[in-house]
Amino acid sequence: MASTVRTTTLPSGEPLPVLGQGTWKMGEDARRRADEVKALRLGLDLGMTLIDTAEMYASGGAEEVVAEAIAGRRDETFLVSKVLPSNASRAGVRRACENSLKRLATDRIDLYLLHWPGSVPLTETVEAFEALKAAGKIRHWGVSNFDTDEMEELVGLRDGGNVQTNQVLYNLSRRGPEFDLAPWSRERGIPLMAYSPVEQGALARNARLEAIAARHNVTAAQIALAWVMAQEGVIAIPKASRQEHVRQNASALDIKLTPEDFADLDRAFPPPTRKRGLEMI
């Protein structure tokens, strides 16, 4: 039985859970595939119905893992995938999407993202996304790794205002987006999707987080994840290949950080006081 997960809202009005599942580095080792599939399926059971993947991850292998995990459960899954900038031309987007649909064993992608800004004019990519929407191949589109100036350019284009999300690197140790990108996005009702919310596991071993975690009888990773999900208009997409970690991620939804916790976290991980370039990993 799926649990109730808090939601935020896309500009389209569609609600999305604030906690989803990432798949970066899945599909790289056939020996881990069964565990990866089981982890994603458990996440669905626990209400983490948003699954994020990309054609780049394991050269399509992650999409194939997702296909196995959502078999028979497609309608309960909100599926996100990404197109590489090198495939972002009109013909390239169409071809890449068709290939992703085949690997995902589905007839549509719920949210299709441009993985990062590239050399193809944004106008051409937006036109390609809109054509895929009209054809029923994708339901929504968005971007990833776009800084504030790039988002400004995007929304100024014809149909650019149809962007539904911006997926960026955001966690306690990478708070740069808070200076301008996050406020800009909130004003326009465009959620940020935070990848690597536990900094690829690095925050799970942070002594300052462990001290706060001890007050809640949880792990440092859960505190880091709870903090991300406490930010307005932010969706966290941690990757978990083990069922134990999936359960811990889901349990982070129940953590109620106190004003003392937030103050301690701000001292340990100060918010930005000036503009920083958007970081990527």
Protein backbone atom coordinates (compact mmCIF):
# COMPACT_ATOMS: atom_id res chain seq x y z
CA MET A 1 0.00 0.00 0.00
CA ALA A 2 1.50 3.34 -1.08
CA SER A 3 1.98 5.88 1.68
CA THR A 4 0.92 9.50 1.40
CA VAL A 5 3.76 11.70 0.14
CA ARG A 6 3.59 15.49 0.31
CA THR A 7 3.23 17.13 -3.06
CA THR A 8 4.17 20.30 -4.87
CA THR A 9 2.56 21.53 -8.07
CA LEU A 10 3.80 21.92 -11.63
CA PRO A 11 2.84 25.07 -13.55
CA SER A 12 0.35 22.86 -15.41
CA GLY A 13 -1.46 22.34 -12.10
CA GLU A 14 -0.46 18.69 -11.79
CA PRO A 15 0.70 17.63 -8.30
CA LEU A 16 4.01 15.80 -7.92
CA PRO A 17 5.48 14.10 -4.84
CA VAL A 18 8.29 16.07 -3.19
CA LEU A 19 10.23 12.81 -2.94
CA GLY A 20 11.03 10.77 -6.01
CA GLN A 21 13.64 8.23 -7.08
CA GLY A 22 16.80 8.87 -9.06
CA THR A 23 18.56 6.32 -11.25
CA TRP A 24 21.98 7.82 -12.01
CA LYS A 25 24.56 4.97 -12.12
CA MET A 26 21.84 2.31 -12.32
CA GLY A 27 22.12 -0.13 -15.21
CA GLU A 28 25.92 -0.06 -15.21
CA ASP A 29 26.43 -3.53 -13.71
CA ALA A 30 24.19 -6.48 -14.63
CA ARG A 31 24.97 -8.09 -11.27
CA ARG A 32 23.17 -5.24 -9.49
CA ARG A 33 20.17 -5.09 -11.79
CA ALA A 34 17.83 -7.27 -9.73
CA ASP A 35 18.51 -5.21 -6.59
CA GLU A 36 18.00 -1.95 -8.51
CA VAL A 37 14.65 -3.16 -9.84
CA LYS A 38 13.54 -4.28 -6.38
CA ALA A 39 14.55 -0.92 -4.89
CA LEU A 40 12.55 1.06 -7.46
CA ARG A 41 9.52 -1.18 -6.97
CA LEU A 42 9.69 -0.73 -3.21
CA GLY A 43 9.84 3.01 -3.74
CA LEU A 44 6.63 2.82 -5.74
CA ASP A 45 5.04 0.82 -2.91
CA LEU A 46 6.03 3.59 -0.49
CA GLY A 47 4.49 6.35 -2.62
CA MET A 48 7.67 7.57 -4.34
CA THR A 49 5.98 7.40 -7.73
CA LEU A 50 8.23 9.90 -9.54
CA ILE A 51 11.15 8.10 -11.19
CA ASP A 52 13.89 10.15 -12.86
CA THR A 53 16.21 8.74 -15.51
CA ALA A 54 18.02 9.81 -18.68
CA GLU A 55 19.28 8.49 -21.99
CA MET A 56 22.81 9.28 -20.78
CA TYR A 57 22.66 7.06 -17.69
CA ALA A 58 24.53 3.84 -18.53
CA SER A 59 23.93 4.73 -22.21
CA GLY A 60 20.26 3.87 -21.85
CA GLY A 61 20.80 1.03 -19.38
CA ALA A 62 19.11 2.92 -16.55
CA GLU A 63 15.99 3.37 -18.67
CA GLU A 64 15.89 -0.39 -19.21
CA VAL A 65 16.10 -0.97 -15.45
CA VAL A 66 13.20 1.46 -14.99
CA ALA A 67 11.18 -0.38 -17.64
CA GLU A 68 11.53 -3.62 -15.69
CA ALA A 69 10.66 -1.91 -12.40
CA ILE A 70 7.48 -0.25 -13.66
CA ALA A 71 6.21 -3.20 -15.72
CA GLY A 72 2.52 -3.53 -14.94
CA ARG A 73 2.63 -0.29 -12.91
CA ARG A 74 3.12 2.33 -15.60
CA ASP A 75 -0.06 4.25 -14.80
CA GLU A 76 0.96 4.85 -11.19
CA THR A 77 4.41 6.11 -12.20
CA PHE A 78 5.36 9.67 -13.13
CA LEU A 79 8.23 9.07 -15.53
CA VAL A 80 10.97 11.66 -16.11
CA SER A 81 13.74 11.25 -18.68
CA LYS A 82 16.27 13.53 -20.34
CA VAL A 83 17.67 14.20 -23.77
CA LEU A 84 21.35 15.00 -24.24
CA PRO A 85 22.17 18.48 -25.62
CA SER A 86 23.91 16.79 -28.55
CA ASN A 87 20.50 15.34 -29.50
CA ALA A 88 18.56 18.57 -28.92
CA SER A 89 17.86 19.45 -32.58
CA ARG A 90 14.37 18.95 -34.04
CA ALA A 91 15.24 15.61 -35.60
CA GLY A 92 17.55 14.64 -32.75
CA VAL A 93 14.94 15.19 -30.02
CA ARG A 94 12.37 13.16 -31.92
CA ARG A 95 14.81 10.30 -32.48
CA ALA A 96 16.12 10.35 -28.90
CA CYS A 97 12.62 10.34 -27.49
CA GLU A 98 11.60 7.37 -29.63
CA ASN A 99 14.68 5.47 -28.45
CA SER A 100 13.92 6.30 -24.81
CA LEU A 101 10.32 5.19 -25.23
CA LYS A 102 11.51 1.85 -26.57
CA ARG A 103 13.95 1.32 -23.72
CA LEU A 104 11.31 2.36 -21.18
CA ALA A 105 8.72 0.10 -22.83
CA THR A 106 6.08 2.81 -22.71
CA ASP A 107 4.13 5.00 -25.10
CA ARG A 108 4.75 8.28 -23.30
CA ILE A 109 7.15 10.13 -21.01
CA ASP A 110 5.46 12.30 -18.40
CA LEU A 111 8.23 14.91 -18.18
CA TYR A 112 11.04 15.19 -20.75
CA LEU A 113 14.03 17.37 -19.90
CA LEU A 114 16.93 18.93 -21.81
CA HIS A 115 19.83 17.56 -19.74
CA TRP A 116 21.90 20.76 -19.83
CA PRO A 117 22.26 23.81 -22.12
CA GLY A 118 24.08 23.05 -25.35
CA SER A 119 24.88 24.51 -28.76
CA VAL A 120 21.50 23.84 -30.41
CA PRO A 121 19.34 27.00 -30.27
CA LEU A 122 16.79 26.76 -27.49
CA THR A 123 14.05 27.79 -29.90
CA GLU A 124 14.65 24.62 -31.90
CA THR A 125 14.59 22.38 -28.83
CA VAL A 126 11.39 23.99 -27.52
CA GLU A 127 9.74 23.50 -30.90
CA ALA A 128 10.76 19.84 -30.84
CA PHE A 129 9.38 19.40 -27.32
CA GLU A 130 6.09 21.02 -28.30
CA ALA A 131 5.84 18.73 -31.33
CA LEU A 132 6.34 15.70 -29.08
CA LYS A 133 3.59 16.99 -26.79
CA ALA A 134 1.23 17.41 -29.73
CA ALA A 135 2.01 13.85 -30.83
CA GLY A 136 1.32 12.46 -27.34
CA LYS A 137 4.88 11.19 -26.92
CA ILE A 138 5.50 13.41 -23.87
CA ARG A 139 3.07 15.11 -21.52
CA HIS A 140 5.30 17.91 -20.23
CA TRP A 141 8.81 19.20 -20.81
CA GLY A 142 11.43 21.00 -18.76
CA VAL A 143 15.15 21.57 -18.42
CA SER A 144 18.08 20.58 -16.22
CA ASN A 145 21.18 22.47 -15.09
CA PHE A 146 19.85 25.86 -16.23
CA ASP A 147 20.98 28.93 -14.29
CA THR A 148 18.81 32.02 -13.81
CA ASP A 149 19.95 33.83 -16.96
CA GLU A 150 19.32 30.71 -19.04
CA MET A 151 15.85 30.36 -17.55
CA GLU A 152 15.16 34.01 -18.36
CA GLU A 153 16.14 33.37 -21.96
CA LEU A 154 13.98 30.26 -22.09
CA VAL A 155 10.76 31.80 -20.78
CA GLY A 156 11.20 34.69 -23.21
CA LEU A 157 10.90 32.33 -26.19
CA ARG A 158 7.70 31.36 -27.95
CA ASP A 159 6.23 28.49 -25.89
CA GLY A 160 9.21 28.74 -23.53
CA GLY A 161 6.80 29.55 -20.73
CA ASN A 162 5.57 25.96 -20.92
CA VAL A 163 8.67 24.81 -19.01
CA GLN A 164 7.55 22.72 -16.02
CA THR A 165 10.70 22.25 -13.95
CA ASN A 166 14.44 22.83 -13.74
CA GLN A 167 16.49 19.94 -12.34
CA VAL A 168 19.64 21.18 -10.58
CA LEU A 169 22.31 20.15 -8.10
CA TYR A 170 20.99 21.32 -4.74
CA ASN A 171 21.71 20.15 -1.21
CA LEU A 172 23.08 21.49 2.08
CA SER A 173 26.62 21.71 0.70
CA ARG A 174 25.47 23.20 -2.64
CA ARG A 175 23.15 26.06 -1.64
CA GLY A 176 24.05 28.42 -4.48
CA PRO A 177 20.59 28.25 -6.12
CA GLU A 178 19.08 29.92 -3.05
CA PHE A 179 20.60 33.28 -3.95
CA ASP A 180 18.60 33.91 -7.11
CA LEU A 181 17.53 30.78 -9.02
CA ALA A 182 15.26 29.38 -6.31
CA PRO A 183 13.45 32.69 -5.62
CA TRP A 184 13.08 33.31 -9.36
CA SER A 185 11.59 29.84 -9.80
CA ARG A 186 9.22 30.15 -6.83
CA GLU A 187 7.87 33.46 -8.12
CA ARG A 188 6.91 31.71 -11.36
CA GLY A 189 5.65 28.50 -9.77
CA ILE A 190 8.36 26.39 -11.44
CA PRO A 191 9.56 23.66 -9.06
CA LEU A 192 13.23 22.85 -8.74
CA MET A 193 14.08 19.16 -8.86
CA ALA A 194 17.11 18.56 -6.61
CA TYR A 195 19.49 15.85 -7.77
CA SER A 196 22.16 14.44 -5.43
CA PRO A 197 20.29 15.76 -2.35
CA VAL A 198 22.71 13.87 -0.10
CA GLU A 199 25.78 14.86 -2.19
CA GLN A 200 26.31 11.31 -3.48
CA GLY A 201 26.39 10.05 0.09
CA ALA A 202 28.99 12.53 1.36
CA LEU A 203 26.50 14.23 3.69
CA ALA A 204 25.64 10.85 5.21
CA ARG A 205 29.06 10.93 6.89
CA ASN A 206 28.96 14.53 8.13
CA ALA A 207 29.57 14.90 11.88
CA ARG A 208 27.53 18.11 12.17
CA LEU A 209 24.55 16.41 10.57
CA GLU A 210 25.01 13.37 12.79
CA ALA A 211 24.63 15.58 15.87
CA ILE A 212 21.29 16.88 14.61
CA ALA A 213 20.25 13.39 13.52
CA ALA A 214 20.83 12.10 17.04
CA ARG A 215 18.13 14.48 18.33
CA HIS A 216 15.62 12.81 15.99
CA ASN A 217 16.98 9.25 16.24
CA VAL A 218 17.56 9.16 12.48
CA THR A 219 20.59 9.18 10.16
CA ALA A 220 22.57 12.13 8.89
CA ALA A 221 21.45 11.30 5.35
CA GLN A 222 17.82 11.50 6.43
CA ILE A 223 18.38 14.94 7.94
CA ALA A 224 20.02 16.15 4.70
CA LEU A 225 17.10 14.79 2.69
CA ALA A 226 14.47 16.19 5.06
CA TRP A 227 16.08 19.63 4.76
CA VAL A 228 15.84 19.57 0.95
CA MET A 229 12.19 18.51 1.08
CA ALA A 230 11.44 21.30 3.56
CA GLN A 231 12.33 23.92 0.94
CA GLU A 232 9.32 25.41 -0.82
CA GLY A 233 8.80 24.20 -4.38
CA VAL A 234 11.61 21.63 -4.31
CA ILE A 235 11.43 17.95 -5.28
CA ALA A 236 14.21 15.62 -4.09
CA ILE A 237 15.25 12.67 -6.24
CA PRO A 238 17.79 10.59 -4.28
CA LYS A 239 19.12 7.40 -5.84
CA ALA A 240 18.88 4.24 -3.74
CA SER A 241 19.89 0.83 -5.05
CA ARG A 242 19.23 -0.97 -1.76
CA GLN A 243 15.82 -1.48 -0.19
CA GLU A 244 17.14 -0.40 3.21
CA HIS A 245 18.06 3.01 1.80
CA VAL A 246 14.71 3.33 0.00
CA ARG A 247 12.92 2.84 3.32
CA GLN A 248 15.19 5.39 5.01
CA ASN A 249 14.50 7.92 2.25
CA ALA A 250 10.75 7.44 2.61
CA SER A 251 11.01 7.79 6.40
CA ALA A 252 12.71 11.18 5.96
CA LEU A 253 9.29 12.53 4.99
CA ASP A 254 8.21 12.14 8.62
CA ILE A 255 11.07 14.19 10.08
CA LYS A 256 9.93 17.56 11.42
CA LEU A 257 12.94 19.83 11.56
CA THR A 258 12.75 22.41 14.35
CA PRO A 259 13.79 26.09 14.28
CA GLU A 260 16.85 24.99 16.28
CA ASP A 261 17.67 22.41 13.62
CA PHE A 262 17.40 24.95 10.81
CA ALA A 263 19.58 27.43 12.72
CA ASP A 264 22.22 24.76 13.37
CA LEU A 265 22.14 23.73 9.70
CA ASP A 266 22.58 27.35 8.57
CA ARG A 267 25.62 27.66 10.82
CA ALA A 268 27.10 24.42 9.53
CA PHE A 269 26.19 25.10 5.89
CA PRO A 270 25.81 28.87 5.46
CA PRO A 271 23.38 30.10 2.79
CA PRO A 272 24.93 32.07 -0.08
CA THR A 273 25.52 35.80 0.30
CA ARG A 274 26.37 36.39 -3.37
CA LYS A 275 25.69 34.92 -6.79
CA ARG A 276 27.48 31.67 -7.55
CA GLY A 277 27.58 29.91 -10.88
CA LEU A 278 25.31 26.90 -11.00
CA GLU A 279 27.26 23.80 -10.00
CA MET A 280 27.00 20.45 -11.78
CA ILE A 281 28.30 16.94 -11.18
